[in-house]
Amino acid sequence: MTPEVHYYWRPGCPFCSMLRRGLDKRGIATVDHNIWDDPEAAAVVRSHARGNETVPTVVIDGVGLVNPSADAVAALLERSTSNA
């Protein structure tokens, strides 16, 4: 079973847009969380980003990547899928 890819972002973030394009290009489906609309999502990001609201942040099976490349997300997803 493929784990969910939680994608934390905010409007106007160019890094978020760049990662979104990379994930879409690779066909990686995500559960999206806008940290400006969801205080709980912002708290998740802070828990992975040393108290900062740095986006994009991606969380797969509890492992958080802060401002990752699409390749890094794909690699973590592959590891998580092979460990499932």
PDB file of N, CA and C in Angstrom:
ATOM      1  N   MET A   1       0.840  -1.183   0.000  1.00  0.00           N
ATOM      2  CA  MET A   1       0.000   0.000   0.000  1.00  0.00           C
ATOM      3  C   MET A   1       0.890   1.253   0.000  1.00  0.00           C
ATOM      4  N   THR A   2       0.557   2.207  -0.822  1.00  0.00           N
ATOM      5  CA  THR A   2       1.328   3.440  -0.923  1.00  0.00           C
ATOM      6  C   THR A   2       0.922   4.388   0.195  1.00  0.00           C
ATOM      7  N   PRO A   3       1.901   4.889   0.959  1.00  0.00           N
ATOM      8  CA  PRO A   3       1.558   5.835   2.029  1.00  0.00           C
ATOM      9  C   PRO A   3       1.110   7.180   1.460  1.00  0.00           C
ATOM     10  N   GLU A   4       0.351   7.911   2.269  1.00  0.00           N
ATOM     11  CA  GLU A   4      -0.089   9.237   1.841  1.00  0.00           C
ATOM     12  C   GLU A   4       1.073  10.216   1.889  1.00  0.00           C
ATOM     13  N   VAL A   5       1.089  11.107   0.914  1.00  0.00           N
ATOM     14  CA  VAL A   5       2.085  12.168   0.837  1.00  0.00           C
ATOM     15  C   VAL A   5       1.376  13.458   1.235  1.00  0.00           C
ATOM     16  N   HIS A   6       1.699  13.962   2.413  1.00  0.00           N
ATOM     17  CA  HIS A   6       1.083  15.196   2.902  1.00  0.00           C
ATOM     18  C   HIS A   6       1.963  16.367   2.476  1.00  0.00           C
ATOM     19  N   TYR A   7       1.355  17.274   1.718  1.00  0.00           N
ATOM     20  CA  TYR A   7       2.050  18.409   1.112  1.00  0.00           C
ATOM     21  C   TYR A   7       1.541  19.688   1.782  1.00  0.00           C
ATOM     22  N   TYR A   8       2.426  20.345   2.514  1.00  0.00           N
ATOM     23  CA  TYR A   8       2.084  21.574   3.237  1.00  0.00           C
ATOM     24  C   TYR A   8       2.615  22.759   2.451  1.00  0.00           C
ATOM     25  N   TRP A   9       1.746  23.738   2.209  1.00  0.00           N
ATOM     26  CA  TRP A   9       2.084  24.862   1.339  1.00  0.00           C
ATOM     27  C   TRP A   9       1.355  26.118   1.810  1.00  0.00           C
ATOM     28  N   ARG A  10       1.629  27.227   1.134  1.00  0.00           N
ATOM     29  CA  ARG A  10       0.876  28.463   1.350  1.00  0.00           C
ATOM     30  C   ARG A  10       0.788  29.206   0.024  1.00  0.00           C
ATOM     31  N   PRO A  11      -0.254  30.003  -0.168  1.00  0.00           N
ATOM     32  CA  PRO A  11      -0.407  30.757  -1.414  1.00  0.00           C
ATOM     33  C   PRO A  11       0.761  31.734  -1.613  1.00  0.00           C
ATOM     34  N   GLY A  12       1.150  31.880  -2.860  1.00  0.00           N
ATOM     35  CA  GLY A  12       2.187  32.841  -3.215  1.00  0.00           C
ATOM     36  C   GLY A  12       3.602  32.342  -3.020  1.00  0.00           C
ATOM     37  N   CYS A  13       3.774  31.123  -2.567  1.00  0.00           N
ATOM     38  CA  CYS A  13       5.108  30.568  -2.306  1.00  0.00           C
ATOM     39  C   CYS A  13       5.684  29.999  -3.606  1.00  0.00           C
ATOM     40  N   PRO A  14       6.747  30.610  -4.146  1.00  0.00           N
ATOM     41  CA  PRO A  14       7.312  30.109  -5.399  1.00  0.00           C
ATOM     42  C   PRO A  14       7.947  28.733  -5.250  1.00  0.00           C
ATOM     43  N   PHE A  15       8.492  28.436  -4.080  1.00  0.00           N
ATOM     44  CA  PHE A  15       9.092  27.117  -3.856  1.00  0.00           C
ATOM     45  C   PHE A  15       8.019  26.039  -3.836  1.00  0.00           C
ATOM     46  N   CYS A  16       6.850  26.396  -3.290  1.00  0.00           N
ATOM     47  CA  CYS A  16       5.715  25.467  -3.279  1.00  0.00           C
ATOM     48  C   CYS A  16       5.261  25.167  -4.712  1.00  0.00           C
ATOM     49  N   SER A  17       5.180  26.211  -5.524  1.00  0.00           N
ATOM     50  CA  SER A  17       4.763  26.031  -6.922  1.00  0.00           C
ATOM     51  C   SER A  17       5.747  25.154  -7.679  1.00  0.00           C
ATOM     52  N   MET A  18       7.032  25.364  -7.430  1.00  0.00           N
ATOM     53  CA  MET A  18       8.052  24.577  -8.114  1.00  0.00           C
ATOM     54  C   MET A  18       7.959  23.104  -7.708  1.00  0.00           C
ATOM     55  N   LEU A  19       7.795  22.847  -6.408  1.00  0.00           N
ATOM     56  CA  LEU A  19       7.675  21.464  -5.960  1.00  0.00           C
ATOM     57  C   LEU A  19       6.398  20.843  -6.494  1.00  0.00           C
ATOM     58  N   ARG A  20       5.289  21.589  -6.480  1.00  0.00           N
ATOM     59  CA  ARG A  20       4.019  21.070  -7.006  1.00  0.00           C
ATOM     60  C   ARG A  20       4.189  20.594  -8.448  1.00  0.00           C
ATOM     61  N   ARG A  21       4.847  21.416  -9.281  1.00  0.00           N
ATOM     62  CA  ARG A  21       5.072  21.019 -10.686  1.00  0.00           C
ATOM     63  C   ARG A  21       5.886  19.726 -10.765  1.00  0.00           C
ATOM     64  N   GLY A  22       6.917  19.629  -9.945  1.00  0.00           N
ATOM     65  CA  GLY A  22       7.752  18.429  -9.953  1.00  0.00           C
ATOM     66  C   GLY A  22       6.999  17.186  -9.511  1.00  0.00           C
ATOM     67  N   LEU A  23       6.172  17.330  -8.492  1.00  0.00           N
ATOM     68  CA  LEU A  23       5.389  16.182  -8.019  1.00  0.00           C
ATOM     69  C   LEU A  23       4.351  15.780  -9.062  1.00  0.00           C
ATOM     70  N   ASP A  24       3.690  16.770  -9.664  1.00  0.00           N
ATOM     71  CA  ASP A  24       2.702  16.476 -10.707  1.00  0.00           C
ATOM     72  C   ASP A  24       3.365  15.775 -11.882  1.00  0.00           C
ATOM     73  N   LYS A  25       4.544  16.240 -12.258  1.00  0.00           N
ATOM     74  CA  LYS A  25       5.270  15.646 -13.393  1.00  0.00           C
ATOM     75  C   LYS A  25       5.586  14.179 -13.124  1.00  0.00           C
ATOM     76  N   ARG A  26       5.850  13.839 -11.866  1.00  0.00           N
ATOM     77  CA  ARG A  26       6.169  12.456 -11.491  1.00  0.00           C
ATOM     78  C   ARG A  26       4.928  11.631 -11.156  1.00  0.00           C
ATOM     79  N   GLY A  27       3.764  12.265 -11.187  1.00  0.00           N
ATOM     80  CA  GLY A  27       2.517  11.546 -10.895  1.00  0.00           C
ATOM     81  C   GLY A  27       2.350  11.202  -9.429  1.00  0.00           C
ATOM     82  N   ILE A  28       2.966  11.998  -8.546  1.00  0.00           N
ATOM     83  CA  ILE A  28       2.866  11.746  -7.109  1.00  0.00           C
ATOM     84  C   ILE A  28       1.633  12.473  -6.571  1.00  0.00           C
ATOM     85  N   ALA A  29       0.664  11.704  -6.113  1.00  0.00           N
ATOM     86  CA  ALA A  29      -0.565  12.261  -5.547  1.00  0.00           C
ATOM     87  C   ALA A  29      -0.282  12.755  -4.133  1.00  0.00           C
ATOM     88  N   THR A  30      -0.942  13.849  -3.752  1.00  0.00           N
ATOM     89  CA  THR A  30      -0.715  14.426  -2.427  1.00  0.00           C
ATOM     90  C   THR A  30      -2.032  14.752  -1.732  1.00  0.00           C
ATOM     91  N   VAL A  31      -1.944  14.829  -0.426  1.00  0.00           N
ATOM     92  CA  VAL A  31      -3.007  15.380   0.400  1.00  0.00           C
ATOM     93  C   VAL A  31      -2.512  16.780   0.748  1.00  0.00           C
ATOM     94  N   ASP A  32      -3.197  17.805   0.255  1.00  0.00           N
ATOM     95  CA  ASP A  32      -2.710  19.180   0.371  1.00  0.00           C
ATOM     96  C   ASP A  32      -3.232  19.872   1.620  1.00  0.00           C
ATOM     97  N   HIS A  33      -2.340  20.658   2.243  1.00  0.00           N
ATOM     98  CA  HIS A  33      -2.680  21.405   3.451  1.00  0.00           C
ATOM     99  C   HIS A  33      -2.154  22.829   3.298  1.00  0.00           C
ATOM    100  N   ASN A  34      -3.063  23.789   3.237  1.00  0.00           N
ATOM    101  CA  ASN A  34      -2.693  25.199   3.173  1.00  0.00           C
ATOM    102  C   ASN A  34      -2.482  25.675   4.608  1.00  0.00           C
ATOM    103  N   ILE A  35      -1.247  26.005   4.970  1.00  0.00           N
ATOM    104  CA  ILE A  35      -0.963  26.349   6.369  1.00  0.00           C
ATOM    105  C   ILE A  35      -1.594  27.674   6.788  1.00  0.00           C
ATOM    106  N   TRP A  36      -1.973  28.513   5.838  1.00  0.00           N
ATOM    107  CA  TRP A  36      -2.630  29.770   6.191  1.00  0.00           C
ATOM    108  C   TRP A  36      -4.103  29.565   6.513  1.00  0.00           C
ATOM    109  N   ASP A  37      -4.688  28.474   6.029  1.00  0.00           N
ATOM    110  CA  ASP A  37      -6.089  28.180   6.288  1.00  0.00           C
ATOM    111  C   ASP A  37      -6.295  27.169   7.410  1.00  0.00           C
ATOM    112  N   ASP A  38      -5.231  26.493   7.816  1.00  0.00           N
ATOM    113  CA  ASP A  38      -5.357  25.381   8.750  1.00  0.00           C
ATOM    114  C   ASP A  38      -4.289  25.471   9.840  1.00  0.00           C
ATOM    115  N   PRO A  39      -4.670  25.948  11.026  1.00  0.00           N
ATOM    116  CA  PRO A  39      -3.694  26.076  12.118  1.00  0.00           C
ATOM    117  C   PRO A  39      -3.034  24.751  12.506  1.00  0.00           C
ATOM    118  N   GLU A  40      -3.770  23.653  12.404  1.00  0.00           N
ATOM    119  CA  GLU A  40      -3.173  22.354  12.715  1.00  0.00           C
ATOM    120  C   GLU A  40      -2.087  21.991  11.709  1.00  0.00           C
ATOM    121  N   ALA A  41      -2.302  22.330  10.444  1.00  0.00           N
ATOM    122  CA  ALA A  41      -1.290  22.080   9.419  1.00  0.00           C
ATOM    123  C   ALA A  41      -0.045  22.922   9.691  1.00  0.00           C
ATOM    124  N   ALA A  42      -0.247  24.163  10.087  1.00  0.00           N
ATOM    125  CA  ALA A  42       0.883  25.031  10.421  1.00  0.00           C
ATOM    126  C   ALA A  42       1.669  24.443  11.590  1.00  0.00           C
ATOM    127  N   ALA A  43       0.981  23.862  12.554  1.00  0.00           N
ATOM    128  CA  ALA A  43       1.655  23.243  13.700  1.00  0.00           C
ATOM    129  C   ALA A  43       2.483  22.039  13.267  1.00  0.00           C
ATOM    130  N   VAL A  44       1.965  21.255  12.320  1.00  0.00           N
ATOM    131  CA  VAL A  44       2.725  20.107  11.802  1.00  0.00           C
ATOM    132  C   VAL A  44       4.011  20.603  11.154  1.00  0.00           C
ATOM    133  N   VAL A  45       3.905  21.642  10.357  1.00  0.00           N
ATOM    134  CA  VAL A  45       5.093  22.189   9.694  1.00  0.00           C
ATOM    135  C   VAL A  45       6.104  22.662  10.734  1.00  0.00           C
ATOM    136  N   ARG A  46       5.648  23.392  11.738  1.00  0.00           N
ATOM    137  CA  ARG A  46       6.567  23.863  12.783  1.00  0.00           C
ATOM    138  C   ARG A  46       7.263  22.705  13.479  1.00  0.00           C
ATOM    139  N   SER A  47       6.567  21.590  13.638  1.00  0.00           N
ATOM    140  CA  SER A  47       7.159  20.434  14.318  1.00  0.00           C
ATOM    141  C   SER A  47       8.285  19.804  13.502  1.00  0.00           C
ATOM    142  N   HIS A  48       8.272  20.001  12.207  1.00  0.00           N
ATOM    143  CA  HIS A  48       9.321  19.449  11.338  1.00  0.00           C
ATOM    144  C   HIS A  48      10.361  20.487  10.937  1.00  0.00           C
ATOM    145  N   ALA A  49      10.065  21.766  11.148  1.00  0.00           N
ATOM    146  CA  ALA A  49      10.939  22.839  10.645  1.00  0.00           C
ATOM    147  C   ALA A  49      11.495  23.705  11.786  1.00  0.00           C
ATOM    148  N   ARG A  50      11.833  23.059  12.893  1.00  0.00           N
ATOM    149  CA  ARG A  50      12.477  23.760  14.014  1.00  0.00           C
ATOM    150  C   ARG A  50      11.690  24.982  14.486  1.00  0.00           C
ATOM    151  N   GLY A  51      10.376  24.845  14.519  1.00  0.00           N
ATOM    152  CA  GLY A  51       9.523  25.921  15.006  1.00  0.00           C
ATOM    153  C   GLY A  51       9.138  26.953  13.967  1.00  0.00           C
ATOM    154  N   ASN A  52       9.646  26.807  12.753  1.00  0.00           N
ATOM    155  CA  ASN A  52       9.336  27.749  11.673  1.00  0.00           C
ATOM    156  C   ASN A  52       8.202  27.201  10.812  1.00  0.00           C
ATOM    157  N   GLU A  53       7.565  28.095  10.082  1.00  0.00           N
ATOM    158  CA  GLU A  53       6.518  27.680   9.141  1.00  0.00           C
ATOM    159  C   GLU A  53       7.103  27.678   7.724  1.00  0.00           C
ATOM    160  N   THR A  54       8.129  26.883   7.534  1.00  0.00           N
ATOM    161  CA  THR A  54       8.820  26.799   6.260  1.00  0.00           C
ATOM    162  C   THR A  54       8.079  25.842   5.334  1.00  0.00           C
ATOM    163  N   VAL A  55       7.703  26.358   4.184  1.00  0.00           N
ATOM    164  CA  VAL A  55       7.026  25.537   3.178  1.00  0.00           C
ATOM    165  C   VAL A  55       7.772  25.668   1.859  1.00  0.00           C
ATOM    166  N   PRO A  56       7.656  24.672   1.015  1.00  0.00           N
ATOM    167  CA  PRO A  56       6.856  23.466   1.195  1.00  0.00           C
ATOM    168  C   PRO A  56       7.508  22.507   2.188  1.00  0.00           C
ATOM    169  N   THR A  57       6.658  21.805   2.889  1.00  0.00           N
ATOM    170  CA  THR A  57       7.076  20.702   3.744  1.00  0.00           C
ATOM    171  C   THR A  57       6.241  19.507   3.318  1.00  0.00           C
ATOM    172  N   VAL A  58       6.885  18.361   3.224  1.00  0.00           N
ATOM    173  CA  VAL A  58       6.208  17.124   2.848  1.00  0.00           C
ATOM    174  C   VAL A  58       6.412  16.129   3.982  1.00  0.00           C
ATOM    175  N   VAL A  59       5.337  15.436   4.362  1.00  0.00           N
ATOM    176  CA  VAL A  59       5.419  14.424   5.407  1.00  0.00           C
ATOM    177  C   VAL A  59       4.876  13.110   4.851  1.00  0.00           C
ATOM    178  N   ILE A  60       5.706  12.067   4.956  1.00  0.00           N
ATOM    179  CA  ILE A  60       5.331  10.718   4.533  1.00  0.00           C
ATOM    180  C   ILE A  60       5.636   9.780   5.689  1.00  0.00           C
ATOM    181  N   ASP A  61       4.612   9.092   6.189  1.00  0.00           N
ATOM    182  CA  ASP A  61       4.785   8.161   7.311  1.00  0.00           C
ATOM    183  C   ASP A  61       5.530   8.795   8.483  1.00  0.00           C
ATOM    184  N   GLY A  62       5.215  10.047   8.793  1.00  0.00           N
ATOM    185  CA  GLY A  62       5.817  10.718   9.932  1.00  0.00           C
ATOM    186  C   GLY A  62       7.183  11.327   9.695  1.00  0.00           C
ATOM    187  N   VAL A  63       7.746  11.103   8.513  1.00  0.00           N
ATOM    188  CA  VAL A  63       9.047  11.681   8.170  1.00  0.00           C
ATOM    189  C   VAL A  63       8.811  12.971   7.400  1.00  0.00           C
ATOM    190  N   GLY A  64       9.365  14.068   7.897  1.00  0.00           N
ATOM    191  CA  GLY A  64       9.164  15.362   7.267  1.00  0.00           C
ATOM    192  C   GLY A  64      10.368  15.813   6.471  1.00  0.00           C
ATOM    193  N   LEU A  65      10.097  16.358   5.305  1.00  0.00           N
ATOM    194  CA  LEU A  65      11.122  16.974   4.459  1.00  0.00           C
ATOM    195  C   LEU A  65      10.763  18.440   4.301  1.00  0.00           C
ATOM    196  N   VAL A  66      11.677  19.325   4.660  1.00  0.00           N
ATOM    197  CA  VAL A  66      11.437  20.761   4.582  1.00  0.00           C
ATOM    198  C   VAL A  66      12.088  21.304   3.321  1.00  0.00           C
ATOM    199  N   ASN A  67      11.283  21.944   2.481  1.00  0.00           N
ATOM    200  CA  ASN A  67      11.709  22.499   1.193  1.00  0.00           C
ATOM    201  C   ASN A  67      12.491  21.474   0.368  1.00  0.00           C
ATOM    202  N   PRO A  68      11.886  20.295   0.164  1.00  0.00           N
ATOM    203  CA  PRO A  68      12.595  19.242  -0.571  1.00  0.00           C
ATOM    204  C   PRO A  68      12.480  19.414  -2.080  1.00  0.00           C
ATOM    205  N   SER A  69      13.315  18.699  -2.776  1.00  0.00           N
ATOM    206  CA  SER A  69      13.154  18.581  -4.226  1.00  0.00           C
ATOM    207  C   SER A  69      12.126  17.481  -4.485  1.00  0.00           C
ATOM    208  N   ALA A  70      11.577  17.472  -5.683  1.00  0.00           N
ATOM    209  CA  ALA A  70      10.645  16.404  -6.053  1.00  0.00           C
ATOM    210  C   ALA A  70      11.368  15.058  -6.045  1.00  0.00           C
ATOM    211  N   ASP A  71      12.647  15.051  -6.397  1.00  0.00           N
ATOM    212  CA  ASP A  71      13.431  13.811  -6.366  1.00  0.00           C
ATOM    213  C   ASP A  71      13.544  13.271  -4.942  1.00  0.00           C
ATOM    214  N   ALA A  72      13.746  14.168  -3.972  1.00  0.00           N
ATOM    215  CA  ALA A  72      13.848  13.736  -2.575  1.00  0.00           C
ATOM    216  C   ALA A  72      12.525  13.154  -2.094  1.00  0.00           C
ATOM    217  N   VAL A  73      11.415  13.762  -2.493  1.00  0.00           N
ATOM    218  CA  VAL A  73      10.098  13.250  -2.119  1.00  0.00           C
ATOM    219  C   VAL A  73       9.887  11.875  -2.752  1.00  0.00           C
ATOM    220  N   ALA A  74      10.221  11.732  -4.028  1.00  0.00           N
ATOM    221  CA  ALA A  74      10.067  10.449  -4.715  1.00  0.00           C
ATOM    222  C   ALA A  74      10.917   9.364  -4.050  1.00  0.00           C
ATOM    223  N   ALA A  75      12.129   9.716  -3.620  1.00  0.00           N
ATOM    224  CA  ALA A  75      13.005   8.745  -2.972  1.00  0.00           C
ATOM    225  C   ALA A  75      12.437   8.311  -1.625  1.00  0.00           C
ATOM    226  N   LEU A  76      11.929   9.262  -0.829  1.00  0.00           N
ATOM    227  CA  LEU A  76      11.328   8.915   0.461  1.00  0.00           C
ATOM    228  C   LEU A  76      10.080   8.071   0.250  1.00  0.00           C
ATOM    229  N   LEU A  77       9.283   8.414  -0.742  1.00  0.00           N
ATOM    230  CA  LEU A  77       8.077   7.637  -1.036  1.00  0.00           C
ATOM    231  C   LEU A  77       8.453   6.213  -1.433  1.00  0.00           C
ATOM    232  N   GLU A  78       9.493   6.080  -2.232  1.00  0.00           N
ATOM    233  CA  GLU A  78       9.965   4.736  -2.641  1.00  0.00           C
ATOM    234  C   GLU A  78      10.412   3.922  -1.422  1.00  0.00           C
ATOM    235  N   ARG A  79      11.187   4.559  -0.527  1.00  0.00           N
ATOM    236  CA  ARG A  79      11.642   3.861   0.686  1.00  0.00           C
ATOM    237  C   ARG A  79      10.456   3.467   1.559  1.00  0.00           C
ATOM    238  N   SER A  80       9.494   4.383   1.705  1.00  0.00           N
ATOM    239  CA  SER A  80       8.329   4.110   2.545  1.00  0.00           C
ATOM    240  C   SER A  80       7.475   3.003   1.950  1.00  0.00           C
ATOM    241  N   THR A  81       7.369   2.968   0.630  1.00  0.00           N
ATOM    242  CA  THR A  81       6.572   1.940  -0.041  1.00  0.00           C
ATOM    243  C   THR A  81       7.233   0.580   0.087  1.00  0.00           C
ATOM    244  N   SER A  82       8.556   0.551  -0.024  1.00  0.00           N
ATOM    245  CA  SER A  82       9.254  -0.741   0.051  1.00  0.00           C
ATOM    246  C   SER A  82       9.301  -1.271   1.479  1.00  0.00           C
ATOM    247  N   ASN A  83       9.137  -0.391   2.483  1.00  0.00           N
ATOM    248  CA  ASN A  83       9.127  -0.816   3.881  1.00  0.00           C
ATOM    249  C   ASN A  83       7.743  -1.214   4.360  1.00  0.00           C
ATOM    250  N   ALA A  84       6.722  -0.937   3.560  1.00  0.00           N
ATOM    251  CA  ALA A  84       5.345  -1.215   3.985  1.00  0.00           C
ATOM    252  C   ALA A  84       5.027  -2.685   3.916  1.00  0.00           C
TER     253      ALA A  84
END
